[in-house]
C-alpha atoms as a PDB file:
ATOM      1  CA  UNK A   1     -19.875  -4.357 -40.892  1.00  0.00           C
ATOM      2  CA  UNK A   2     -19.308  -6.215 -37.611  1.00  0.00           C
ATOM      3  CA  UNK A   3     -21.257  -9.363 -36.999  1.00  0.00           C
ATOM      4  CA  UNK A   4     -23.249 -10.008 -33.851  1.00  0.00           C
ATOM      5  CA  UNK A   5     -20.580 -12.403 -32.607  1.00  0.00           C
ATOM      6  CA  UNK A   6     -17.887  -9.720 -33.008  1.00  0.00           C
ATOM      7  CA  UNK A   7     -19.971  -7.241 -31.022  1.00  0.00           C
ATOM      8  CA  UNK A   8     -20.645  -9.792 -28.279  1.00  0.00           C
ATOM      9  CA  UNK A   9     -16.972 -10.763 -28.114  1.00  0.00           C
ATOM     10  CA  UNK A  10     -15.985  -7.095 -27.830  1.00  0.00           C
ATOM     11  CA  UNK A  11     -18.564  -6.511 -25.086  1.00  0.00           C
ATOM     12  CA  UNK A  12     -17.310  -9.544 -23.190  1.00  0.00           C
ATOM     13  CA  UNK A  13     -13.708  -8.348 -23.543  1.00  0.00           C
ATOM     14  CA  UNK A  14     -14.660  -4.865 -22.322  1.00  0.00           C
ATOM     15  CA  UNK A  15     -16.532  -6.304 -19.356  1.00  0.00           C
ATOM     16  CA  UNK A  16     -13.637  -8.633 -18.542  1.00  0.00           C
ATOM     17  CA  UNK A  17     -11.208  -5.681 -18.678  1.00  0.00           C
ATOM     18  CA  UNK A  18     -13.495  -3.685 -16.398  1.00  0.00           C
ATOM     19  CA  UNK A  19     -13.694  -6.535 -13.887  1.00  0.00           C
ATOM     20  CA  UNK A  20      -9.929  -7.005 -13.877  1.00  0.00           C
ATOM     21  CA  UNK A  21      -9.435  -3.299 -13.232  1.00  0.00           C
ATOM     22  CA  UNK A  22     -12.117  -3.249 -10.529  1.00  0.00           C
ATOM     23  CA  UNK A  23     -10.642  -6.293  -8.800  1.00  0.00           C
ATOM     24  CA  UNK A  24      -7.150  -4.789  -8.896  1.00  0.00           C
ATOM     25  CA  UNK A  25      -8.469  -1.522  -7.459  1.00  0.00           C
ATOM     26  CA  UNK A  26     -10.282  -3.384  -4.678  1.00  0.00           C
ATOM     27  CA  UNK A  27      -7.236  -5.458  -3.822  1.00  0.00           C
ATOM     28  CA  UNK A  28      -4.760  -2.560  -3.810  1.00  0.00           C
ATOM     29  CA  UNK A  29      -6.947  -0.246  -1.739  1.00  0.00           C
ATOM     30  CA  UNK A  30      -7.974  -2.992   0.680  1.00  0.00           C
ATOM     31  CA  UNK A  31      -4.379  -4.040   1.325  1.00  0.00           C
ATOM     32  CA  UNK A  32      -3.226  -0.434   1.695  1.00  0.00           C
ATOM     33  CA  UNK A  33      -6.083   0.866   3.834  1.00  0.00           C
ATOM     34  CA  UNK A  34      -7.716  -1.844   5.918  1.00  0.00           C
ATOM     35  CA  UNK A  35      -5.692  -2.816   8.958  1.00  0.00           C
ATOM     36  CA  UNK A  36      -8.070  -3.409  11.852  1.00  0.00           C
ATOM     37  CA  UNK A  37      -9.860  -6.744  11.721  1.00  0.00           C
ATOM     38  CA  UNK A  38     -11.025  -6.638  15.350  1.00  0.00           C
ATOM     39  CA  UNK A  39     -14.238  -4.785  14.523  1.00  0.00           C
ATOM     40  CA  UNK A  40     -17.042  -5.248  12.049  1.00  0.00           C
ATOM     41  CA  UNK A  41     -17.128  -1.509  11.356  1.00  0.00           C
ATOM     42  CA  UNK A  42     -14.836   0.434   9.089  1.00  0.00           C
ATOM     43  CA  UNK A  43     -12.786   3.005  10.949  1.00  0.00           C
ATOM     44  CA  UNK A  44     -12.985   6.620   9.705  1.00  0.00           C
ATOM     45  CA  UNK A  45      -9.284   6.635   8.776  1.00  0.00           C
ATOM     46  CA  UNK A  46      -9.722   3.404   6.790  1.00  0.00           C
ATOM     47  CA  UNK A  47     -12.715   4.836   4.952  1.00  0.00           C
ATOM     48  CA  UNK A  48     -10.848   8.055   4.126  1.00  0.00           C
ATOM     49  CA  UNK A  49      -7.826   6.067   2.939  1.00  0.00           C
ATOM     50  CA  UNK A  50     -10.020   3.852   0.737  1.00  0.00           C
ATOM     51  CA  UNK A  51     -11.749   6.879  -0.823  1.00  0.00           C
ATOM     52  CA  UNK A  52      -8.407   8.584  -1.503  1.00  0.00           C
ATOM     53  CA  UNK A  53      -6.942   5.371  -2.884  1.00  0.00           C
ATOM     54  CA  UNK A  54      -9.911   4.869  -5.201  1.00  0.00           C
ATOM     55  CA  UNK A  55      -9.765   8.442  -6.439  1.00  0.00           C
ATOM     56  CA  UNK A  56      -6.023   8.256  -7.125  1.00  0.00           C
ATOM     57  CA  UNK A  57      -6.351   4.897  -8.859  1.00  0.00           C
ATOM     58  CA  UNK A  58      -9.153   6.105 -11.121  1.00  0.00           C
ATOM     59  CA  UNK A  59      -7.314   9.341 -11.973  1.00  0.00           C
ATOM     60  CA  UNK A  60      -4.154   7.372 -12.735  1.00  0.00           C
ATOM     61  CA  UNK A  61      -6.085   4.975 -14.926  1.00  0.00           C
ATOM     62  CA  UNK A  62      -7.716   7.874 -16.786  1.00  0.00           C
ATOM     63  CA  UNK A  63      -4.362   9.592 -17.307  1.00  0.00           C
ATOM     64  CA  UNK A  64      -2.742   6.421 -18.629  1.00  0.00           C
ATOM     65  CA  UNK A  65      -5.660   5.964 -21.034  1.00  0.00           C
ATOM     66  CA  UNK A  66      -5.284   9.534 -22.288  1.00  0.00           C
ATOM     67  CA  UNK A  67      -1.526   9.116 -22.792  1.00  0.00           C
ATOM     68  CA  UNK A  68      -2.075   5.837 -24.608  1.00  0.00           C
ATOM     69  CA  UNK A  69      -4.591   7.486 -26.948  1.00  0.00           C
ATOM     70  CA  UNK A  70      -2.139  10.322 -27.622  1.00  0.00           C
ATOM     71  CA  UNK A  71       0.615   7.798 -28.321  1.00  0.00           C
ATOM     72  CA  UNK A  72      -1.658   5.861 -30.675  1.00  0.00           C
ATOM     73  CA  UNK A  73      -2.547   9.044 -32.580  1.00  0.00           C
ATOM     74  CA  UNK A  74       1.125   9.986 -33.020  1.00  0.00           C
ATOM     75  CA  UNK A  75       1.991   6.429 -34.062  1.00  0.00           C
ATOM     76  CA  UNK A  76      -0.831   6.392 -36.606  1.00  0.00           C
ATOM     77  CA  UNK A  77       0.238   9.781 -37.982  1.00  0.00           C
ATOM     78  CA  UNK A  78       3.855   8.590 -38.278  1.00  0.00           C
ATOM     79  CA  UNK A  79       2.769   5.395 -40.006  1.00  0.00           C
ATOM     80  CA  UNK A  80       0.597   7.333 -42.441  1.00  0.00           C
ATOM     81  CA  UNK A  81       3.457   9.751 -43.161  1.00  0.00           C
ATOM     82  CA  UNK A  82       5.858   6.850 -43.739  1.00  0.00           C
ATOM     83  CA  UNK A  83       3.381   5.189 -46.089  1.00  0.00           C
ATOM     84  CA  UNK A  84       2.921   8.408 -48.058  1.00  0.00           C
ATOM     85  CA  UNK A  85       6.688   8.950 -48.251  1.00  0.00           C
ATOM     86  CA  UNK A  86       7.252   5.361 -49.380  1.00  0.00           C
ATOM     87  CA  UNK A  87       4.509   5.562 -51.988  1.00  0.00           C
ATOM     88  CA  UNK A  88       5.842   8.669 -53.722  1.00  0.00           C
END
């Protein structure tokens, strides 16, 4: 059973990972999309670019996570099969 400290440490790590991802998303989309600093308003093309950038980034992140989970499952299955083969 996990202790309270383990749970807190895991929550902090998850939050830190989220913030790193959010900051990276903000930086990438800002650099790619915002080009006019002469006005306080966001231009329609900048807003559209930022929305598209955010959507692509989140979809990419989701796809990478899915592929990583698939890879982990295959790796775990291969490890289990190797352990069973070595134990017989």
